[in-house]
Amino acid sequence: MSWESRARKKYEQNSVFECLAKLAETLDPTTLPFSEDELRTLAKRIRAAFLGSERPTQRLERYKAHLARMHGAERVFEVAQRLEEINNAIENERR
């Protein structure tokens, strides 16, 4: 793996962790029905879809549907929407 690929991967990883940290400031993670892995995966997939092509967006939609079957669509929509807003804010801060 090239140094550029490693740097990009680290950047995206840091973005996901920052997004989850900001989510924890607004929503108490212990009140969410998701496990830590589910929340992290949701944040990663939202980040991938945010950067944008059709395939990551489709993966995100399938994962949200999976979570909705387990935890309820309303709660998944609320958290996903908040994560998307945080991603937008992070990118706006970095520009």
PDB file of N, CA and C in Angstrom:
ATOM      1  N   MET A   1       0.858  -1.170   0.000  1.00  0.00           N
ATOM      2  CA  MET A   1       0.000   0.000   0.000  1.00  0.00           C
ATOM      3  C   MET A   1       0.902   1.231   0.000  1.00  0.00           C
ATOM      4  N   SER A   2       0.603   2.169  -0.847  1.00  0.00           N
ATOM      5  CA  SER A   2       1.424   3.374  -0.942  1.00  0.00           C
ATOM      6  C   SER A   2       1.194   4.280   0.262  1.00  0.00           C
ATOM      7  N   TRP A   3       2.097   5.202   0.448  1.00  0.00           N
ATOM      8  CA  TRP A   3       1.964   6.132   1.572  1.00  0.00           C
ATOM      9  C   TRP A   3       0.726   6.998   1.388  1.00  0.00           C
ATOM     10  N   GLU A   4       0.367   7.286   0.136  1.00  0.00           N
ATOM     11  CA  GLU A   4      -0.826   8.094  -0.120  1.00  0.00           C
ATOM     12  C   GLU A   4      -2.094   7.343   0.277  1.00  0.00           C
ATOM     13  N   SER A   5      -2.124   6.055  -0.037  1.00  0.00           N
ATOM     14  CA  SER A   5      -3.280   5.236   0.343  1.00  0.00           C
ATOM     15  C   SER A   5      -3.400   5.121   1.856  1.00  0.00           C
ATOM     16  N   ARG A   6      -2.264   4.913   2.516  1.00  0.00           N
ATOM     17  CA  ARG A   6      -2.280   4.823   3.979  1.00  0.00           C
ATOM     18  C   ARG A   6      -2.723   6.144   4.595  1.00  0.00           C
ATOM     19  N   ALA A   7      -2.242   7.251   4.044  1.00  0.00           N
ATOM     20  CA  ALA A   7      -2.621   8.566   4.571  1.00  0.00           C
ATOM     21  C   ALA A   7      -4.116   8.809   4.370  1.00  0.00           C
ATOM     22  N   ARG A   8      -4.652   8.434   3.225  1.00  0.00           N
ATOM     23  CA  ARG A   8      -6.079   8.620   2.943  1.00  0.00           C
ATOM     24  C   ARG A   8      -6.924   7.750   3.878  1.00  0.00           C
ATOM     25  N   LYS A   9      -6.467   6.506   4.078  1.00  0.00           N
ATOM     26  CA  LYS A   9      -7.189   5.604   4.974  1.00  0.00           C
ATOM     27  C   LYS A   9      -7.198   6.149   6.402  1.00  0.00           C
ATOM     28  N   LYS A  10      -6.072   6.660   6.857  1.00  0.00           N
ATOM     29  CA  LYS A  10      -5.975   7.241   8.200  1.00  0.00           C
ATOM     30  C   LYS A  10      -6.866   8.487   8.312  1.00  0.00           C
ATOM     31  N   TYR A  11      -6.883   9.308   7.273  1.00  0.00           N
ATOM     32  CA  TYR A  11      -7.723  10.506   7.249  1.00  0.00           C
ATOM     33  C   TYR A  11      -9.194  10.127   7.395  1.00  0.00           C
ATOM     34  N   GLU A  12      -9.628   9.124   6.636  1.00  0.00           N
ATOM     35  CA  GLU A  12     -11.024   8.688   6.698  1.00  0.00           C
ATOM     36  C   GLU A  12     -11.347   8.079   8.060  1.00  0.00           C
ATOM     37  N   GLN A  13     -10.403   7.323   8.613  1.00  0.00           N
ATOM     38  CA  GLN A  13     -10.600   6.737   9.934  1.00  0.00           C
ATOM     39  C   GLN A  13     -10.756   7.840  10.985  1.00  0.00           C
ATOM     40  N   ASN A  14      -9.920   8.852  10.907  1.00  0.00           N
ATOM     41  CA  ASN A  14     -10.016   9.978  11.840  1.00  0.00           C
ATOM     42  C   ASN A  14     -11.332  10.729  11.668  1.00  0.00           C
ATOM     43  N   SER A  15     -11.786  10.853  10.435  1.00  0.00           N
ATOM     44  CA  SER A  15     -13.064  11.525  10.177  1.00  0.00           C
ATOM     45  C   SER A  15     -14.225  10.769  10.815  1.00  0.00           C
ATOM     46  N   VAL A  16     -14.191   9.442  10.730  1.00  0.00           N
ATOM     47  CA  VAL A  16     -15.248   8.623  11.331  1.00  0.00           C
ATOM     48  C   VAL A  16     -15.224   8.772  12.848  1.00  0.00           C
ATOM     49  N   PHE A  17     -14.025   8.718  13.451  1.00  0.00           N
ATOM     50  CA  PHE A  17     -13.921   8.865  14.905  1.00  0.00           C
ATOM     51  C   PHE A  17     -14.379  10.249  15.355  1.00  0.00           C
ATOM     52  N   GLU A  18     -14.034  11.275  14.587  1.00  0.00           N
ATOM     53  CA  GLU A  18     -14.476  12.636  14.917  1.00  0.00           C
ATOM     54  C   GLU A  18     -15.995  12.739  14.817  1.00  0.00           C
ATOM     55  N   CYS A  19     -16.556  12.119  13.811  1.00  0.00           N
ATOM     56  CA  CYS A  19     -18.005  12.122  13.625  1.00  0.00           C
ATOM     57  C   CYS A  19     -18.701  11.442  14.802  1.00  0.00           C
ATOM     58  N   LEU A  20     -18.174  10.298  15.235  1.00  0.00           N
ATOM     59  CA  LEU A  20     -18.763   9.587  16.372  1.00  0.00           C
ATOM     60  C   LEU A  20     -18.616  10.371  17.668  1.00  0.00           C
ATOM     61  N   ALA A  21     -17.494  11.068  17.821  1.00  0.00           N
ATOM     62  CA  ALA A  21     -17.291  11.888  19.015  1.00  0.00           C
ATOM     63  C   ALA A  21     -18.298  13.035  19.057  1.00  0.00           C
ATOM     64  N   LYS A  22     -18.534  13.659  17.901  1.00  0.00           N
ATOM     65  CA  LYS A  22     -19.502  14.755  17.855  1.00  0.00           C
ATOM     66  C   LYS A  22     -20.924  14.236  18.053  1.00  0.00           C
ATOM     67  N   LEU A  23     -21.194  13.033  17.575  1.00  0.00           N
ATOM     68  CA  LEU A  23     -22.508  12.430  17.803  1.00  0.00           C
ATOM     69  C   LEU A  23     -22.723  12.208  19.293  1.00  0.00           C
ATOM     70  N   ALA A  24     -21.688  11.764  19.978  1.00  0.00           N
ATOM     71  CA  ALA A  24     -21.786  11.510  21.420  1.00  0.00           C
ATOM     72  C   ALA A  24     -22.029  12.794  22.204  1.00  0.00           C
ATOM     73  N   GLU A  25     -21.629  13.944  21.645  1.00  0.00           N
ATOM     74  CA  GLU A  25     -21.888  15.225  22.306  1.00  0.00           C
ATOM     75  C   GLU A  25     -23.363  15.594  22.248  1.00  0.00           C
ATOM     76  N   THR A  26     -24.065  15.160  21.199  1.00  0.00           N
ATOM     77  CA  THR A  26     -25.466  15.535  21.029  1.00  0.00           C
ATOM     78  C   THR A  26     -26.440  14.439  21.449  1.00  0.00           C
ATOM     79  N   LEU A  27     -26.031  13.178  21.278  1.00  0.00           N
ATOM     80  CA  LEU A  27     -26.876  12.050  21.666  1.00  0.00           C
ATOM     81  C   LEU A  27     -26.078  11.153  22.598  1.00  0.00           C
ATOM     82  N   ASP A  28     -26.713  10.697  23.651  1.00  0.00           N
ATOM     83  CA  ASP A  28     -26.038   9.795  24.570  1.00  0.00           C
ATOM     84  C   ASP A  28     -25.963   8.410  23.923  1.00  0.00           C
ATOM     85  N   PRO A  29     -24.751   7.931  23.625  1.00  0.00           N
ATOM     86  CA  PRO A  29     -24.622   6.633  22.942  1.00  0.00           C
ATOM     87  C   PRO A  29     -25.224   5.462  23.723  1.00  0.00           C
ATOM     88  N   THR A  30     -25.319   5.594  25.031  1.00  0.00           N
ATOM     89  CA  THR A  30     -25.879   4.490  25.818  1.00  0.00           C
ATOM     90  C   THR A  30     -27.391   4.376  25.633  1.00  0.00           C
ATOM     91  N   THR A  31     -28.036   5.430  25.161  1.00  0.00           N
ATOM     92  CA  THR A  31     -29.476   5.371  24.935  1.00  0.00           C
ATOM     93  C   THR A  31     -29.820   4.854  23.539  1.00  0.00           C
ATOM     94  N   LEU A  32     -28.815   4.735  22.677  1.00  0.00           N
ATOM     95  CA  LEU A  32     -29.056   4.242  21.324  1.00  0.00           C
ATOM     96  C   LEU A  32     -29.185   2.727  21.336  1.00  0.00           C
ATOM     97  N   PRO A  33     -30.052   2.195  20.491  1.00  0.00           N
ATOM     98  CA  PRO A  33     -30.248   0.742  20.483  1.00  0.00           C
ATOM     99  C   PRO A  33     -29.133  -0.015  19.761  1.00  0.00           C
ATOM    100  N   PHE A  34     -28.194   0.686  19.149  1.00  0.00           N
ATOM    101  CA  PHE A  34     -27.147   0.063  18.352  1.00  0.00           C
ATOM    102  C   PHE A  34     -25.959  -0.364  19.208  1.00  0.00           C
ATOM    103  N   SER A  35     -25.297  -1.421  18.765  1.00  0.00           N
ATOM    104  CA  SER A  35     -24.039  -1.797  19.405  1.00  0.00           C
ATOM    105  C   SER A  35     -22.962  -0.829  18.911  1.00  0.00           C
ATOM    106  N   GLU A  36     -21.819  -0.853  19.568  1.00  0.00           N
ATOM    107  CA  GLU A  36     -20.718   0.016  19.156  1.00  0.00           C
ATOM    108  C   GLU A  36     -20.276  -0.302  17.726  1.00  0.00           C
ATOM    109  N   ASP A  37     -20.229  -1.583  17.387  1.00  0.00           N
ATOM    110  CA  ASP A  37     -19.840  -1.986  16.026  1.00  0.00           C
ATOM    111  C   ASP A  37     -20.856  -1.524  14.988  1.00  0.00           C
ATOM    112  N   GLU A  38     -22.134  -1.652  15.308  1.00  0.00           N
ATOM    113  CA  GLU A  38     -23.170  -1.204  14.371  1.00  0.00           C
ATOM    114  C   GLU A  38     -23.078   0.292  14.134  1.00  0.00           C
ATOM    115  N   LEU A  39     -22.861   1.045  15.194  1.00  0.00           N
ATOM    116  CA  LEU A  39     -22.761   2.500  15.074  1.00  0.00           C
ATOM    117  C   LEU A  39     -21.522   2.898  14.268  1.00  0.00           C
ATOM    118  N   ARG A  40     -20.406   2.234  14.532  1.00  0.00           N
ATOM    119  CA  ARG A  40     -19.173   2.524  13.801  1.00  0.00           C
ATOM    120  C   ARG A  40     -19.339   2.173  12.313  1.00  0.00           C
ATOM    121  N   THR A  41     -19.961   1.027  12.030  1.00  0.00           N
ATOM    122  CA  THR A  41     -20.187   0.625  10.640  1.00  0.00           C
ATOM    123  C   THR A  41     -21.114   1.603   9.941  1.00  0.00           C
ATOM    124  N   LEU A  42     -22.152   2.035  10.623  1.00  0.00           N
ATOM    125  CA  LEU A  42     -23.061   3.028  10.046  1.00  0.00           C
ATOM    126  C   LEU A  42     -22.310   4.312   9.731  1.00  0.00           C
ATOM    127  N   ALA A  43     -21.476   4.775  10.651  1.00  0.00           N
ATOM    128  CA  ALA A  43     -20.704   5.994  10.423  1.00  0.00           C
ATOM    129  C   ALA A  43     -19.742   5.829   9.251  1.00  0.00           C
ATOM    130  N   LYS A  44     -19.091   4.674   9.137  1.00  0.00           N
ATOM    131  CA  LYS A  44     -18.160   4.422   8.025  1.00  0.00           C
ATOM    132  C   LYS A  44     -18.892   4.431   6.696  1.00  0.00           C
ATOM    133  N   ARG A  45     -20.039   3.784   6.672  1.00  0.00           N
ATOM    134  CA  ARG A  45     -20.785   3.702   5.408  1.00  0.00           C
ATOM    135  C   ARG A  45     -21.390   5.040   5.024  1.00  0.00           C
ATOM    136  N   ILE A  46     -21.801   5.820   6.001  1.00  0.00           N
ATOM    137  CA  ILE A  46     -22.291   7.166   5.701  1.00  0.00           C
ATOM    138  C   ILE A  46     -21.154   8.012   5.149  1.00  0.00           C
ATOM    139  N   ARG A  47     -19.981   7.881   5.742  1.00  0.00           N
ATOM    140  CA  ARG A  47     -18.808   8.626   5.266  1.00  0.00           C
ATOM    141  C   ARG A  47     -18.465   8.219   3.836  1.00  0.00           C
ATOM    142  N   ALA A  48     -18.471   6.912   3.531  1.00  0.00           N
ATOM    143  CA  ALA A  48     -18.159   6.436   2.182  1.00  0.00           C
ATOM    144  C   ALA A  48     -19.193   6.944   1.175  1.00  0.00           C
ATOM    145  N   ALA A  49     -20.455   6.920   1.551  1.00  0.00           N
ATOM    146  CA  ALA A  49     -21.510   7.406   0.661  1.00  0.00           C
ATOM    147  C   ALA A  49     -21.422   8.917   0.489  1.00  0.00           C
ATOM    148  N   PHE A  50     -20.995   9.608   1.531  1.00  0.00           N
ATOM    149  CA  PHE A  50     -20.847  11.059   1.486  1.00  0.00           C
ATOM    150  C   PHE A  50     -19.804  11.457   0.446  1.00  0.00           C
ATOM    151  N   LEU A  51     -18.753  10.680   0.342  1.00  0.00           N
ATOM    152  CA  LEU A  51     -17.677  10.972  -0.600  1.00  0.00           C
ATOM    153  C   LEU A  51     -18.069  10.649  -2.022  1.00  0.00           C
ATOM    154  N   GLY A  52     -19.008   9.903  -2.169  1.00  0.00           N
ATOM    155  CA  GLY A  52     -19.773   9.666  -3.237  1.00  0.00           C
ATOM    156  C   GLY A  52     -19.781   8.856  -4.434  1.00  0.00           C
ATOM    157  N   SER A  53     -20.024   7.690  -4.558  1.00  0.00           N
ATOM    158  CA  SER A  53     -20.415   7.068  -5.809  1.00  0.00           C
ATOM    159  C   SER A  53     -21.662   6.248  -5.522  1.00  0.00           C
ATOM    160  N   GLU A  54     -22.150   5.610  -6.540  1.00  0.00           N
ATOM    161  CA  GLU A  54     -23.420   4.904  -6.381  1.00  0.00           C
ATOM    162  C   GLU A  54     -23.294   3.650  -5.513  1.00  0.00           C
ATOM    163  N   ARG A  55     -22.204   2.915  -5.658  1.00  0.00           N
ATOM    164  CA  ARG A  55     -22.050   1.656  -4.912  1.00  0.00           C
ATOM    165  C   ARG A  55     -22.042   1.860  -3.394  1.00  0.00           C
ATOM    166  N   PRO A  56     -21.241   2.804  -2.854  1.00  0.00           N
ATOM    167  CA  PRO A  56     -21.297   3.012  -1.402  1.00  0.00           C
ATOM    168  C   PRO A  56     -22.663   3.493  -0.924  1.00  0.00           C
ATOM    169  N   THR A  57     -23.346   4.251  -1.742  1.00  0.00           N
ATOM    170  CA  THR A  57     -24.688   4.724  -1.379  1.00  0.00           C
ATOM    171  C   THR A  57     -25.655   3.545  -1.290  1.00  0.00           C
ATOM    172  N   GLN A  58     -25.544   2.621  -2.226  1.00  0.00           N
ATOM    173  CA  GLN A  58     -26.402   1.433  -2.190  1.00  0.00           C
ATOM    174  C   GLN A  58     -26.088   0.569  -0.972  1.00  0.00           C
ATOM    175  N   ARG A  59     -24.803   0.427  -0.658  1.00  0.00           N
ATOM    176  CA  ARG A  59     -24.405  -0.336   0.540  1.00  0.00           C
ATOM    177  C   ARG A  59     -24.981   0.297   1.792  1.00  0.00           C
ATOM    178  N   LEU A  60     -24.921   1.624   1.862  1.00  0.00           N
ATOM    179  CA  LEU A  60     -25.461   2.343   3.011  1.00  0.00           C
ATOM    180  C   LEU A  60     -26.960   2.092   3.140  1.00  0.00           C
ATOM    181  N   GLU A  61     -27.681   2.193   2.053  1.00  0.00           N
ATOM    182  CA  GLU A  61     -29.127   1.992   2.101  1.00  0.00           C
ATOM    183  C   GLU A  61     -29.481   0.572   2.553  1.00  0.00           C
ATOM    184  N   ARG A  62     -28.726  -0.420   2.078  1.00  0.00           N
ATOM    185  CA  ARG A  62     -28.976  -1.796   2.516  1.00  0.00           C
ATOM    186  C   ARG A  62     -28.685  -1.953   4.003  1.00  0.00           C
ATOM    187  N   TYR A  63     -27.621  -1.308   4.485  1.00  0.00           N
ATOM    188  CA  TYR A  63     -27.274  -1.423   5.899  1.00  0.00           C
ATOM    189  C   TYR A  63     -28.313  -0.717   6.773  1.00  0.00           C
ATOM    190  N   LYS A  64     -28.786   0.445   6.317  1.00  0.00           N
ATOM    191  CA  LYS A  64     -29.829   1.144   7.074  1.00  0.00           C
ATOM    192  C   LYS A  64     -31.102   0.307   7.120  1.00  0.00           C
ATOM    193  N   ALA A  65     -31.438  -0.365   6.026  1.00  0.00           N
ATOM    194  CA  ALA A  65     -32.623  -1.242   6.009  1.00  0.00           C
ATOM    195  C   ALA A  65     -32.437  -2.402   6.982  1.00  0.00           C
ATOM    196  N   HIS A  66     -31.243  -2.946   7.024  1.00  0.00           N
ATOM    197  CA  HIS A  66     -30.936  -4.036   7.961  1.00  0.00           C
ATOM    198  C   HIS A  66     -31.111  -3.554   9.404  1.00  0.00           C
ATOM    199  N   LEU A  67     -30.546  -2.402   9.723  1.00  0.00           N
ATOM    200  CA  LEU A  67     -30.672  -1.856  11.078  1.00  0.00           C
ATOM    201  C   LEU A  67     -32.118  -1.520  11.406  1.00  0.00           C
ATOM    202  N   ALA A  68     -32.857  -1.027  10.418  1.00  0.00           N
ATOM    203  CA  ALA A  68     -34.263  -0.664  10.644  1.00  0.00           C
ATOM    204  C   ALA A  68     -35.096  -1.892  10.999  1.00  0.00           C
ATOM    205  N   ARG A  69     -34.787  -3.023  10.383  1.00  0.00           N
ATOM    206  CA  ARG A  69     -35.521  -4.256  10.720  1.00  0.00           C
ATOM    207  C   ARG A  69     -35.242  -4.666  12.167  1.00  0.00           C
ATOM    208  N   MET A  70     -34.038  -4.400  12.637  1.00  0.00           N
ATOM    209  CA  MET A  70     -33.659  -4.823  13.988  1.00  0.00           C
ATOM    210  C   MET A  70     -34.042  -3.799  15.059  1.00  0.00           C
ATOM    211  N   HIS A  71     -33.931  -2.502  14.735  1.00  0.00           N
ATOM    212  CA  HIS A  71     -34.060  -1.467  15.765  1.00  0.00           C
ATOM    213  C   HIS A  71     -35.159  -0.435  15.507  1.00  0.00           C
ATOM    214  N   GLY A  72     -35.809  -0.515  14.372  1.00  0.00           N
ATOM    215  CA  GLY A  72     -36.862   0.439  14.054  1.00  0.00           C
ATOM    216  C   GLY A  72     -36.372   1.530  13.119  1.00  0.00           C
ATOM    217  N   ALA A  73     -37.153   1.789  12.099  1.00  0.00           N
ATOM    218  CA  ALA A  73     -36.753   2.726  11.049  1.00  0.00           C
ATOM    219  C   ALA A  73     -36.582   4.150  11.562  1.00  0.00           C
ATOM    220  N   GLU A  74     -37.439   4.575  12.466  1.00  0.00           N
ATOM    221  CA  GLU A  74     -37.397   5.956  12.940  1.00  0.00           C
ATOM    222  C   GLU A  74     -36.068   6.269  13.636  1.00  0.00           C
ATOM    223  N   ARG A  75     -35.626   5.378  14.491  1.00  0.00           N
ATOM    224  CA  ARG A  75     -34.375   5.604  15.239  1.00  0.00           C
ATOM    225  C   ARG A  75     -33.166   5.574  14.298  1.00  0.00           C
ATOM    226  N   VAL A  76     -33.167   4.644  13.344  1.00  0.00           N
ATOM    227  CA  VAL A  76     -32.068   4.559  12.372  1.00  0.00           C
ATOM    228  C   VAL A  76     -32.026   5.830  11.536  1.00  0.00           C
ATOM    229  N   PHE A  77     -33.186   6.294  11.078  1.00  0.00           N
ATOM    230  CA  PHE A  77     -33.242   7.507  10.268  1.00  0.00           C
ATOM    231  C   PHE A  77     -32.712   8.705  11.058  1.00  0.00           C
ATOM    232  N   GLU A  78     -33.106   8.814  12.313  1.00  0.00           N
ATOM    233  CA  GLU A  78     -32.673   9.932  13.152  1.00  0.00           C
ATOM    234  C   GLU A  78     -31.149   9.958  13.316  1.00  0.00           C
ATOM    235  N   VAL A  79     -30.570   8.820  13.637  1.00  0.00           N
ATOM    236  CA  VAL A  79     -29.120   8.755  13.851  1.00  0.00           C
ATOM    237  C   VAL A  79     -28.369   8.957  12.532  1.00  0.00           C
ATOM    238  N   ALA A  80     -28.846   8.330  11.456  1.00  0.00           N
ATOM    239  CA  ALA A  80     -28.193   8.483  10.154  1.00  0.00           C
ATOM    240  C   ALA A  80     -28.230   9.934   9.692  1.00  0.00           C
ATOM    241  N   GLN A  81     -29.349  10.594   9.891  1.00  0.00           N
ATOM    242  CA  GLN A  81     -29.461  11.991   9.498  1.00  0.00           C
ATOM    243  C   GLN A  81     -28.490  12.853  10.308  1.00  0.00           C
ATOM    244  N   ARG A  82     -28.385  12.589  11.576  1.00  0.00           N
ATOM    245  CA  ARG A  82     -27.463  13.350  12.433  1.00  0.00           C
ATOM    246  C   ARG A  82     -26.011  13.108  12.012  1.00  0.00           C
ATOM    247  N   LEU A  83     -25.656  11.874  11.678  1.00  0.00           N
ATOM    248  CA  LEU A  83     -24.299  11.572  11.218  1.00  0.00           C
ATOM    249  C   LEU A  83     -23.989  12.274   9.894  1.00  0.00           C
ATOM    250  N   GLU A  84     -24.967  12.338   9.006  1.00  0.00           N
ATOM    251  CA  GLU A  84     -24.776  13.051   7.736  1.00  0.00           C
ATOM    252  C   GLU A  84     -24.554  14.542   7.971  1.00  0.00           C
ATOM    253  N   GLU A  85     -25.315  15.129   8.885  1.00  0.00           N
ATOM    254  CA  GLU A  85     -25.134  16.546   9.219  1.00  0.00           C
ATOM    255  C   GLU A  85     -23.739  16.785   9.791  1.00  0.00           C
ATOM    256  N   ILE A  86     -23.287  15.889  10.639  1.00  0.00           N
ATOM    257  CA  ILE A  86     -21.958  16.030  11.240  1.00  0.00           C
ATOM    258  C   ILE A  86     -20.881  15.913  10.170  1.00  0.00           C
ATOM    259  N   ASN A  87     -21.043  14.977   9.229  1.00  0.00           N
ATOM    260  CA  ASN A  87     -20.078  14.856   8.130  1.00  0.00           C
ATOM    261  C   ASN A  87     -20.006  16.140   7.313  1.00  0.00           C
ATOM    262  N   ASN A  88     -21.161  16.723   7.039  1.00  0.00           N
ATOM    263  CA  ASN A  88     -21.176  17.995   6.307  1.00  0.00           C
ATOM    264  C   ASN A  88     -20.437  19.077   7.081  1.00  0.00           C
ATOM    265  N   ALA A  89     -20.681  19.151   8.372  1.00  0.00           N
ATOM    266  CA  ALA A  89     -20.023  20.159   9.207  1.00  0.00           C
ATOM    267  C   ALA A  89     -18.515  19.945   9.252  1.00  0.00           C
ATOM    268  N   ILE A  90     -18.084  18.701   9.361  1.00  0.00           N
ATOM    269  CA  ILE A  90     -16.652  18.399   9.391  1.00  0.00           C
ATOM    270  C   ILE A  90     -15.984  18.843   8.091  1.00  0.00           C
ATOM    271  N   GLU A  91     -16.584  18.517   6.980  1.00  0.00           N
ATOM    272  CA  GLU A  91     -16.004  18.907   5.688  1.00  0.00           C
ATOM    273  C   GLU A  91     -16.000  20.419   5.507  1.00  0.00           C
ATOM    274  N   ASN A  92     -17.039  21.094   5.971  1.00  0.00           N
ATOM    275  CA  ASN A  92     -17.065  22.552   5.873  1.00  0.00           C
ATOM    276  C   ASN A  92     -15.986  23.195   6.741  1.00  0.00           C
ATOM    277  N   GLU A  93     -15.710  22.610   7.903  1.00  0.00           N
ATOM    278  CA  GLU A  93     -14.659  23.125   8.770  1.00  0.00           C
ATOM    279  C   GLU A  93     -13.289  22.962   8.136  1.00  0.00           C
ATOM    280  N   ARG A  94     -13.084  21.881   7.406  1.00  0.00           N
ATOM    281  CA  ARG A  94     -11.775  21.576   6.825  1.00  0.00           C
ATOM    282  C   ARG A  94     -11.499  22.351   5.544  1.00  0.00           C
ATOM    283  N   ARG A  95     -12.504  22.934   4.975  1.00  0.00           N
ATOM    284  CA  ARG A  95     -12.293  23.703   3.725  1.00  0.00           C
ATOM    285  C   ARG A  95     -11.871  25.101   4.013  1.00  0.00           C
TER     286      ARG A  95
END
